[in-house]
């Protein structure tokens, strides 16, 4: 088997094992393709995680943790004002 193909299979196995563990533990996730990686987006109370699996076997994790503060509907305008081109 070609070396790069074998590496991809091993990395795919790492991703599949991770997804199976999330499902066994009933943790909600969704998949997305970002650039050359597969991103697993995970939502748990008060947190959102982005776990990216790259073809070279690298795994990067970014966590977004809430401070528990809630905003009113007027905050929608801040979204549009701050992030619209």
Foldseek 3Di string as FASTA:
>chain_A
DDPLVVLQVVLVVVVVVVVVVCVVVVWDWDWDQDDQWIWIWTDDVQKIKIWTAHSNGDIDIDMDGHPPDDDDPVCVVVVCVVDPD
